[in-house]
Amino acid sequence: MTCLHHFENCFSTNDEILSVLNEDESTAVFTFNQTKGRGQYGNIWKVDPNENLAYSLALKTSKVNISDTFLNYYTAIIVRDFLANLTNADTKIKWPNDIILNGKKVCGILIEKKKINHEEYYIIGIGINVLQSDFSNLPKAGSVLSVTGLSFDLNQFVTEFHQYLISRMKDMDSDEIILNTYNHSLFRKDEISVFQKNDLRQNGIIKNADKNGFLWINLENDGLQKFFHKEIELLY
């Protein structure tokens, strides 16, 4: 059983969920008007009100039988699968956990650990651009609507997404399946891409992500190297 709470607006669902946390069961919250959302490493997640979904799910760490890295991978896989099934569009995971729909970023994921009343939780924050149409200042971003032309009722969208996410979380895949599926869905894998490392640009080819969260890239000048998030930037 999971409690799903709706907020008309809030600063961040990852923070707001703490006020309604039910220790006896999983808790989820959502809003269509998040005003101070955040992404990985303090990045700001800005969206237009009443056009997009901000959603957070709290899971006790004791109930999760995979590592932090694999939970990150698995969450990205679930969101990718949901959007792929919904739209039939080309849907990929941009390492570590952005979702790319037909070449445009439509979703970001932030997973945090928080200790509440002596119990440790994963707070899984997911932001999905659903109906937003204006991305004039964000050329790499898009929404389900702007990319595919498909429009959805937001309440129905979040209900179906929540049910799908919970069903997949209840029956987690093995580490081997997660890693293979994640790499199969990896954006720009085995393609020549442009990267920026230490303010210098060079070509390279993404080979794979590993069990420790590193991305392995075969760089034109530096050969095969592994990187953690923020150590290298994919420019496309």
C-alpha atoms as a PDB file:
ATOM      1  CA  MET A   1       0.000   0.000   0.000  1.00  0.00           C
ATOM      2  CA  THR A   2       1.278   3.464  -0.896  1.00  0.00           C
ATOM      3  CA  CYS A   3      -0.099   6.832   0.197  1.00  0.00           C
ATOM      4  CA  LEU A   4      -0.175   9.344  -2.691  1.00  0.00           C
ATOM      5  CA  HIS A   5      -0.508  13.002  -1.683  1.00  0.00           C
ATOM      6  CA  HIS A   6      -1.200  15.952  -3.998  1.00  0.00           C
ATOM      7  CA  PHE A   7       0.043  19.485  -3.325  1.00  0.00           C
ATOM      8  CA  GLU A   8      -1.328  22.435  -5.294  1.00  0.00           C
ATOM      9  CA  ASN A   9       2.186  23.860  -5.187  1.00  0.00           C
ATOM     10  CA  CYS A  10       5.379  23.403  -3.208  1.00  0.00           C
ATOM     11  CA  PHE A  11       9.054  24.329  -3.239  1.00  0.00           C
ATOM     12  CA  SER A  12      10.331  20.765  -3.708  1.00  0.00           C
ATOM     13  CA  THR A  13       8.513  17.441  -3.509  1.00  0.00           C
ATOM     14  CA  ASN A  14      11.704  15.854  -2.138  1.00  0.00           C
ATOM     15  CA  ASP A  15      11.379  18.170   0.877  1.00  0.00           C
ATOM     16  CA  GLU A  16       7.584  18.238   1.118  1.00  0.00           C
ATOM     17  CA  ILE A  17       7.322  14.466   1.361  1.00  0.00           C
ATOM     18  CA  LEU A  18       8.904  14.614   4.816  1.00  0.00           C
ATOM     19  CA  SER A  19       5.800  16.356   6.193  1.00  0.00           C
ATOM     20  CA  VAL A  20       3.435  13.530   5.209  1.00  0.00           C
ATOM     21  CA  LEU A  21       5.687  10.506   5.577  1.00  0.00           C
ATOM     22  CA  ASN A  22       3.874   7.382   6.738  1.00  0.00           C
ATOM     23  CA  GLU A  23       6.312   5.079   8.500  1.00  0.00           C
ATOM     24  CA  ASP A  24       4.070   2.033   8.066  1.00  0.00           C
ATOM     25  CA  GLU A  25       3.936   2.145   4.269  1.00  0.00           C
ATOM     26  CA  SER A  26       5.501   3.792   1.235  1.00  0.00           C
ATOM     27  CA  THR A  27       4.659   7.449   0.682  1.00  0.00           C
ATOM     28  CA  ALA A  28       4.524   9.452  -2.542  1.00  0.00           C
ATOM     29  CA  VAL A  29       3.735  13.100  -3.269  1.00  0.00           C
ATOM     30  CA  PHE A  30       3.260  15.106  -6.440  1.00  0.00           C
ATOM     31  CA  THR A  31       2.551  18.595  -7.672  1.00  0.00           C
ATOM     32  CA  PHE A  32       2.090  20.295 -11.016  1.00  0.00           C
ATOM     33  CA  ASN A  33       3.601  23.509  -9.648  1.00  0.00           C
ATOM     34  CA  GLN A  34       7.034  23.002  -8.090  1.00  0.00           C
ATOM     35  CA  THR A  35       8.761  26.332  -7.547  1.00  0.00           C
ATOM     36  CA  LYS A  36      12.236  25.380  -6.315  1.00  0.00           C
ATOM     37  CA  GLY A  37      12.987  21.957  -7.702  1.00  0.00           C
ATOM     38  CA  ARG A  38      16.566  20.768  -7.722  1.00  0.00           C
ATOM     39  CA  GLY A  39      18.547  18.258  -9.701  1.00  0.00           C
ATOM     40  CA  GLN A  40      21.859  16.483  -9.318  1.00  0.00           C
ATOM     41  CA  TYR A  41      24.567  18.317  -7.351  1.00  0.00           C
ATOM     42  CA  GLY A  42      22.452  21.392  -6.653  1.00  0.00           C
ATOM     43  CA  ASN A  43      21.369  22.074 -10.225  1.00  0.00           C
ATOM     44  CA  ILE A  44      18.066  23.944 -10.439  1.00  0.00           C
ATOM     45  CA  TRP A  45      15.122  22.216 -12.138  1.00  0.00           C
ATOM     46  CA  LYS A  46      12.859  24.959 -13.531  1.00  0.00           C
ATOM     47  CA  VAL A  47       9.518  24.171 -15.164  1.00  0.00           C
ATOM     48  CA  ASP A  48       6.366  26.052 -16.098  1.00  0.00           C
ATOM     49  CA  PRO A  49       3.459  25.682 -13.630  1.00  0.00           C
ATOM     50  CA  ASN A  50       0.563  23.300 -14.320  1.00  0.00           C
ATOM     51  CA  GLU A  51       2.246  21.775 -17.364  1.00  0.00           C
ATOM     52  CA  ASN A  52       4.645  19.276 -15.822  1.00  0.00           C
ATOM     53  CA  LEU A  53       4.928  16.689 -13.073  1.00  0.00           C
ATOM     54  CA  ALA A  54       7.116  16.800  -9.972  1.00  0.00           C
ATOM     55  CA  TYR A  55       6.887  13.543  -8.044  1.00  0.00           C
ATOM     56  CA  SER A  56       8.698  12.003  -5.076  1.00  0.00           C
ATOM     57  CA  LEU A  57       8.560   8.541  -3.537  1.00  0.00           C
ATOM     58  CA  ALA A  58       9.955   7.579  -0.123  1.00  0.00           C
ATOM     59  CA  LEU A  59      11.225   4.030   0.347  1.00  0.00           C
ATOM     60  CA  LYS A  60      12.854   2.612   3.461  1.00  0.00           C
ATOM     61  CA  THR A  61      16.424   1.654   2.613  1.00  0.00           C
ATOM     62  CA  SER A  62      15.883  -1.581   4.553  1.00  0.00           C
ATOM     63  CA  LYS A  63      13.259  -2.592   1.971  1.00  0.00           C
ATOM     64  CA  VAL A  64      15.575  -2.050  -1.012  1.00  0.00           C
ATOM     65  CA  ASN A  65      17.854  -4.967  -1.869  1.00  0.00           C
ATOM     66  CA  ILE A  66      20.031  -3.234  -4.462  1.00  0.00           C
ATOM     67  CA  SER A  67      22.849  -0.695  -4.088  1.00  0.00           C
ATOM     68  CA  ASP A  68      22.515   3.074  -4.381  1.00  0.00           C
ATOM     69  CA  THR A  69      24.005   2.947  -7.874  1.00  0.00           C
ATOM     70  CA  PHE A  70      21.653   0.217  -9.030  1.00  0.00           C
ATOM     71  CA  LEU A  71      18.619   1.980  -7.546  1.00  0.00           C
ATOM     72  CA  ASN A  72      19.604   5.014  -9.596  1.00  0.00           C
ATOM     73  CA  TYR A  73      19.929   2.874 -12.720  1.00  0.00           C
ATOM     74  CA  TYR A  74      16.710   0.979 -12.019  1.00  0.00           C
ATOM     75  CA  THR A  75      14.674   4.135 -11.442  1.00  0.00           C
ATOM     76  CA  ALA A  76      15.910   5.545 -14.754  1.00  0.00           C
ATOM     77  CA  ILE A  77      14.972   2.279 -16.477  1.00  0.00           C
ATOM     78  CA  ILE A  78      11.445   2.383 -15.032  1.00  0.00           C
ATOM     79  CA  VAL A  79      10.844   5.966 -16.164  1.00  0.00           C
ATOM     80  CA  ARG A  80      12.341   5.219 -19.581  1.00  0.00           C
ATOM     81  CA  ASP A  81      10.095   2.184 -19.989  1.00  0.00           C
ATOM     82  CA  PHE A  82       6.991   4.101 -18.912  1.00  0.00           C
ATOM     83  CA  LEU A  83       7.591   6.920 -21.396  1.00  0.00           C
ATOM     84  CA  ALA A  84       8.569   4.524 -24.183  1.00  0.00           C
ATOM     85  CA  ASN A  85       5.390   2.496 -23.693  1.00  0.00           C
ATOM     86  CA  LEU A  86       3.306   5.661 -23.510  1.00  0.00           C
ATOM     87  CA  THR A  87       4.681   7.388 -26.600  1.00  0.00           C
ATOM     88  CA  ASN A  88       6.281   4.694 -28.787  1.00  0.00           C
ATOM     89  CA  ALA A  89       9.073   7.246 -29.293  1.00  0.00           C
ATOM     90  CA  ASP A  90      12.825   6.638 -29.156  1.00  0.00           C
ATOM     91  CA  THR A  91      13.551   6.841 -25.426  1.00  0.00           C
ATOM     92  CA  LYS A  92      17.048   6.664 -23.942  1.00  0.00           C
ATOM     93  CA  ILE A  93      18.843   7.205 -20.641  1.00  0.00           C
ATOM     94  CA  LYS A  94      21.506   9.901 -20.642  1.00  0.00           C
ATOM     95  CA  TRP A  95      24.039   8.932 -18.000  1.00  0.00           C
ATOM     96  CA  PRO A  96      23.542   9.030 -15.128  1.00  0.00           C
ATOM     97  CA  ASN A  97      19.751   9.468 -15.031  1.00  0.00           C
ATOM     98  CA  ASP A  98      18.231  11.938 -17.480  1.00  0.00           C
ATOM     99  CA  ILE A  99      15.572  10.606 -19.829  1.00  0.00           C
ATOM    100  CA  ILE A 100      15.907  11.570 -23.487  1.00  0.00           C
ATOM    101  CA  LEU A 101      12.860  11.424 -25.758  1.00  0.00           C
ATOM    102  CA  ASN A 102      13.644  11.729 -29.480  1.00  0.00           C
ATOM    103  CA  GLY A 103      16.873  13.532 -28.592  1.00  0.00           C
ATOM    104  CA  LYS A 104      15.378  15.961 -26.052  1.00  0.00           C
ATOM    105  CA  LYS A 105      15.688  15.838 -22.254  1.00  0.00           C
ATOM    106  CA  VAL A 106      12.202  15.446 -20.795  1.00  0.00           C
ATOM    107  CA  CYS A 107      12.963  14.062 -17.345  1.00  0.00           C
ATOM    108  CA  GLY A 108      15.457  14.375 -14.511  1.00  0.00           C
ATOM    109  CA  ILE A 109      15.845  12.173 -11.449  1.00  0.00           C
ATOM    110  CA  LEU A 110      17.312  12.993  -8.028  1.00  0.00           C
ATOM    111  CA  ILE A 111      17.663  10.301  -5.355  1.00  0.00           C
ATOM    112  CA  GLU A 112      18.606  11.394  -1.844  1.00  0.00           C
ATOM    113  CA  LYS A 113      19.059   9.539   1.441  1.00  0.00           C
ATOM    114  CA  LYS A 114      17.457  11.003   4.541  1.00  0.00           C
ATOM    115  CA  LYS A 115      17.206   9.762   8.120  1.00  0.00           C
ATOM    116  CA  ILE A 116      13.828  10.319   9.767  1.00  0.00           C
ATOM    117  CA  ASN A 117      12.952   9.098  13.263  1.00  0.00           C
ATOM    118  CA  HIS A 118      15.928   6.720  13.294  1.00  0.00           C
ATOM    119  CA  GLU A 119      14.850   5.183   9.967  1.00  0.00           C
ATOM    120  CA  GLU A 120      16.775   5.783   6.738  1.00  0.00           C
ATOM    121  CA  TYR A 121      14.856   6.456   3.523  1.00  0.00           C
ATOM    122  CA  TYR A 122      15.539   6.853  -0.150  1.00  0.00           C
ATOM    123  CA  ILE A 123      13.708   9.923  -1.437  1.00  0.00           C
ATOM    124  CA  ILE A 124      13.294   9.386  -5.173  1.00  0.00           C
ATOM    125  CA  GLY A 125      12.499  12.662  -6.930  1.00  0.00           C
ATOM    126  CA  ILE A 126      11.336  12.576 -10.554  1.00  0.00           C
ATOM    127  CA  GLY A 127      10.515  15.572 -12.730  1.00  0.00           C
ATOM    128  CA  ILE A 128       8.804  14.962 -16.074  1.00  0.00           C
ATOM    129  CA  ASN A 129       8.048  17.668 -18.624  1.00  0.00           C
ATOM    130  CA  VAL A 130       4.612  16.681 -19.902  1.00  0.00           C
ATOM    131  CA  LEU A 131       2.753  19.587 -21.529  1.00  0.00           C
ATOM    132  CA  GLN A 132       5.240  22.474 -21.633  1.00  0.00           C
ATOM    133  CA  SER A 133       5.644  23.903 -25.126  1.00  0.00           C
ATOM    134  CA  ASP A 134       8.182  26.738 -24.752  1.00  0.00           C
ATOM    135  CA  PHE A 135      11.829  25.710 -24.416  1.00  0.00           C
ATOM    136  CA  SER A 136      13.298  28.695 -26.262  1.00  0.00           C
ATOM    137  CA  ASN A 137      16.108  29.105 -23.711  1.00  0.00           C
ATOM    138  CA  LEU A 138      16.727  25.361 -23.333  1.00  0.00           C
ATOM    139  CA  PRO A 139      17.555  23.940 -26.778  1.00  0.00           C
ATOM    140  CA  LYS A 140      18.314  20.437 -25.449  1.00  0.00           C
ATOM    141  CA  ALA A 141      15.089  20.180 -23.417  1.00  0.00           C
ATOM    142  CA  GLY A 142      11.570  19.228 -24.396  1.00  0.00           C
ATOM    143  CA  SER A 143       8.342  17.722 -23.115  1.00  0.00           C
ATOM    144  CA  VAL A 144       6.225  14.745 -24.057  1.00  0.00           C
ATOM    145  CA  LEU A 145       3.931  17.172 -25.902  1.00  0.00           C
ATOM    146  CA  SER A 146       6.617  19.206 -27.669  1.00  0.00           C
ATOM    147  CA  VAL A 147       8.524  16.110 -28.788  1.00  0.00           C
ATOM    148  CA  THR A 148       5.705  13.742 -29.762  1.00  0.00           C
ATOM    149  CA  GLY A 149       2.616  15.939 -30.156  1.00  0.00           C
ATOM    150  CA  LEU A 150       0.815  13.756 -27.611  1.00  0.00           C
ATOM    151  CA  SER A 151      -1.248  15.507 -24.932  1.00  0.00           C
ATOM    152  CA  PHE A 152      -2.330  13.996 -21.618  1.00  0.00           C
ATOM    153  CA  ASP A 153      -4.534  14.852 -18.686  1.00  0.00           C
ATOM    154  CA  LEU A 154      -2.003  15.472 -15.912  1.00  0.00           C
ATOM    155  CA  ASN A 155      -4.062  13.750 -13.225  1.00  0.00           C
ATOM    156  CA  GLN A 156      -4.427  10.636 -15.331  1.00  0.00           C
ATOM    157  CA  PHE A 157      -0.741  10.810 -16.254  1.00  0.00           C
ATOM    158  CA  VAL A 158       0.435  10.862 -12.627  1.00  0.00           C
ATOM    159  CA  THR A 159      -1.995   8.114 -11.606  1.00  0.00           C
ATOM    160  CA  GLU A 160      -0.740   5.775 -14.317  1.00  0.00           C
ATOM    161  CA  PHE A 161       2.892   6.704 -13.678  1.00  0.00           C
ATOM    162  CA  HIS A 162       2.566   6.153  -9.925  1.00  0.00           C
ATOM    163  CA  GLN A 163       0.939   2.744 -10.376  1.00  0.00           C
ATOM    164  CA  TYR A 164       3.585   1.673 -12.874  1.00  0.00           C
ATOM    165  CA  LEU A 165       6.483   2.850 -10.697  1.00  0.00           C
ATOM    166  CA  ILE A 166       5.158   1.140  -7.570  1.00  0.00           C
ATOM    167  CA  SER A 167       4.533  -2.140  -9.392  1.00  0.00           C
ATOM    168  CA  ARG A 168       8.110  -2.172 -10.728  1.00  0.00           C
ATOM    169  CA  MET A 169       9.607  -1.205  -7.360  1.00  0.00           C
ATOM    170  CA  LYS A 170       7.812  -4.076  -5.630  1.00  0.00           C
ATOM    171  CA  ASP A 171       9.518  -6.622  -7.864  1.00  0.00           C
ATOM    172  CA  MET A 172      13.019  -5.332  -8.566  1.00  0.00           C
ATOM    173  CA  ASP A 173      15.186  -6.869 -11.242  1.00  0.00           C
ATOM    174  CA  SER A 174      18.521  -8.514 -10.452  1.00  0.00           C
ATOM    175  CA  ASP A 175      21.750  -6.516 -10.619  1.00  0.00           C
ATOM    176  CA  GLU A 176      22.735  -8.278 -13.843  1.00  0.00           C
ATOM    177  CA  ILE A 177      19.447  -7.495 -15.578  1.00  0.00           C
ATOM    178  CA  ILE A 178      19.500  -3.888 -14.358  1.00  0.00           C
ATOM    179  CA  LEU A 179      23.040  -3.269 -15.632  1.00  0.00           C
ATOM    180  CA  ASN A 180      22.381  -4.919 -18.993  1.00  0.00           C
ATOM    181  CA  THR A 181      19.088  -3.059 -19.484  1.00  0.00           C
ATOM    182  CA  TYR A 182      20.618   0.262 -18.455  1.00  0.00           C
ATOM    183  CA  ASN A 183      23.491  -0.105 -20.920  1.00  0.00           C
ATOM    184  CA  HIS A 184      21.135  -1.239 -23.674  1.00  0.00           C
ATOM    185  CA  SER A 185      19.170   2.008 -23.180  1.00  0.00           C
ATOM    186  CA  LEU A 186      22.197   4.306 -22.843  1.00  0.00           C
ATOM    187  CA  PHE A 187      22.024   7.507 -24.892  1.00  0.00           C
ATOM    188  CA  ARG A 188      24.767   7.876 -27.547  1.00  0.00           C
ATOM    189  CA  LYS A 189      26.306   4.494 -26.693  1.00  0.00           C
ATOM    190  CA  ASP A 190      28.768   3.290 -29.362  1.00  0.00           C
ATOM    191  CA  GLU A 191      28.338   6.544 -31.307  1.00  0.00           C
ATOM    192  CA  ILE A 192      30.947   9.229 -31.927  1.00  0.00           C
ATOM    193  CA  SER A 193      30.079  12.155 -29.662  1.00  0.00           C
ATOM    194  CA  VAL A 194      31.673  15.400 -28.532  1.00  0.00           C
ATOM    195  CA  PHE A 195      32.729  15.697 -24.892  1.00  0.00           C
ATOM    196  CA  GLN A 196      34.132  18.485 -22.761  1.00  0.00           C
ATOM    197  CA  LYS A 197      36.771  17.556 -20.186  1.00  0.00           C
ATOM    198  CA  ASN A 198      38.710  20.178 -18.242  1.00  0.00           C
ATOM    199  CA  ASP A 199      37.480  22.912 -20.630  1.00  0.00           C
ATOM    200  CA  LEU A 200      38.812  21.008 -23.652  1.00  0.00           C
ATOM    201  CA  ARG A 201      36.632  19.385 -26.294  1.00  0.00           C
ATOM    202  CA  GLN A 202      37.359  16.076 -27.945  1.00  0.00           C
ATOM    203  CA  ASN A 203      35.547  13.268 -29.697  1.00  0.00           C
ATOM    204  CA  GLY A 204      34.828  10.023 -27.940  1.00  0.00           C
ATOM    205  CA  ILE A 205      32.593   6.974 -27.838  1.00  0.00           C
ATOM    206  CA  ILE A 206      30.542   5.904 -24.813  1.00  0.00           C
ATOM    207  CA  LYS A 207      31.227   2.223 -24.173  1.00  0.00           C
ATOM    208  CA  ASN A 208      29.282   1.372 -21.018  1.00  0.00           C
ATOM    209  CA  ALA A 209      28.297   2.277 -17.470  1.00  0.00           C
ATOM    210  CA  ASP A 210      29.606  -0.015 -14.732  1.00  0.00           C
ATOM    211  CA  LYS A 211      28.331  -1.379 -11.418  1.00  0.00           C
ATOM    212  CA  ASN A 212      30.031   1.422  -9.472  1.00  0.00           C
ATOM    213  CA  GLY A 213      28.323   4.244 -11.356  1.00  0.00           C
ATOM    214  CA  PHE A 214      31.219   5.140 -13.638  1.00  0.00           C
ATOM    215  CA  LEU A 215      30.840   5.819 -17.357  1.00  0.00           C
ATOM    216  CA  TRP A 216      33.537   4.369 -19.609  1.00  0.00           C
ATOM    217  CA  ILE A 217      34.396   6.488 -22.646  1.00  0.00           C
ATOM    218  CA  ASN A 218      36.970   5.839 -25.362  1.00  0.00           C
ATOM    219  CA  LEU A 219      38.344   9.339 -25.966  1.00  0.00           C
ATOM    220  CA  GLU A 220      40.104  10.313 -29.173  1.00  0.00           C
ATOM    221  CA  ASN A 221      43.122  11.808 -27.385  1.00  0.00           C
ATOM    222  CA  ASP A 222      43.131  10.059 -24.006  1.00  0.00           C
ATOM    223  CA  GLY A 223      41.969   6.524 -24.766  1.00  0.00           C
ATOM    224  CA  LEU A 224      39.575   4.477 -22.636  1.00  0.00           C
ATOM    225  CA  GLN A 225      38.811   6.209 -19.332  1.00  0.00           C
ATOM    226  CA  LYS A 226      36.145   6.089 -16.650  1.00  0.00           C
ATOM    227  CA  PHE A 227      34.319   9.124 -15.285  1.00  0.00           C
ATOM    228  CA  PHE A 228      31.994   9.952 -12.443  1.00  0.00           C
ATOM    229  CA  HIS A 229      29.161  12.440 -12.781  1.00  0.00           C
ATOM    230  CA  LYS A 230      30.315  16.020 -13.461  1.00  0.00           C
ATOM    231  CA  GLU A 231      33.853  14.913 -14.399  1.00  0.00           C
ATOM    232  CA  ILE A 232      32.995  15.079 -18.098  1.00  0.00           C
ATOM    233  CA  GLU A 233      30.182  16.622 -20.133  1.00  0.00           C
ATOM    234  CA  LEU A 234      28.486  15.126 -23.165  1.00  0.00           C
ATOM    235  CA  LEU A 235      27.914  17.933 -25.666  1.00  0.00           C
ATOM    236  CA  TYR A 236      26.342  15.623 -28.327  1.00  0.00           C
END
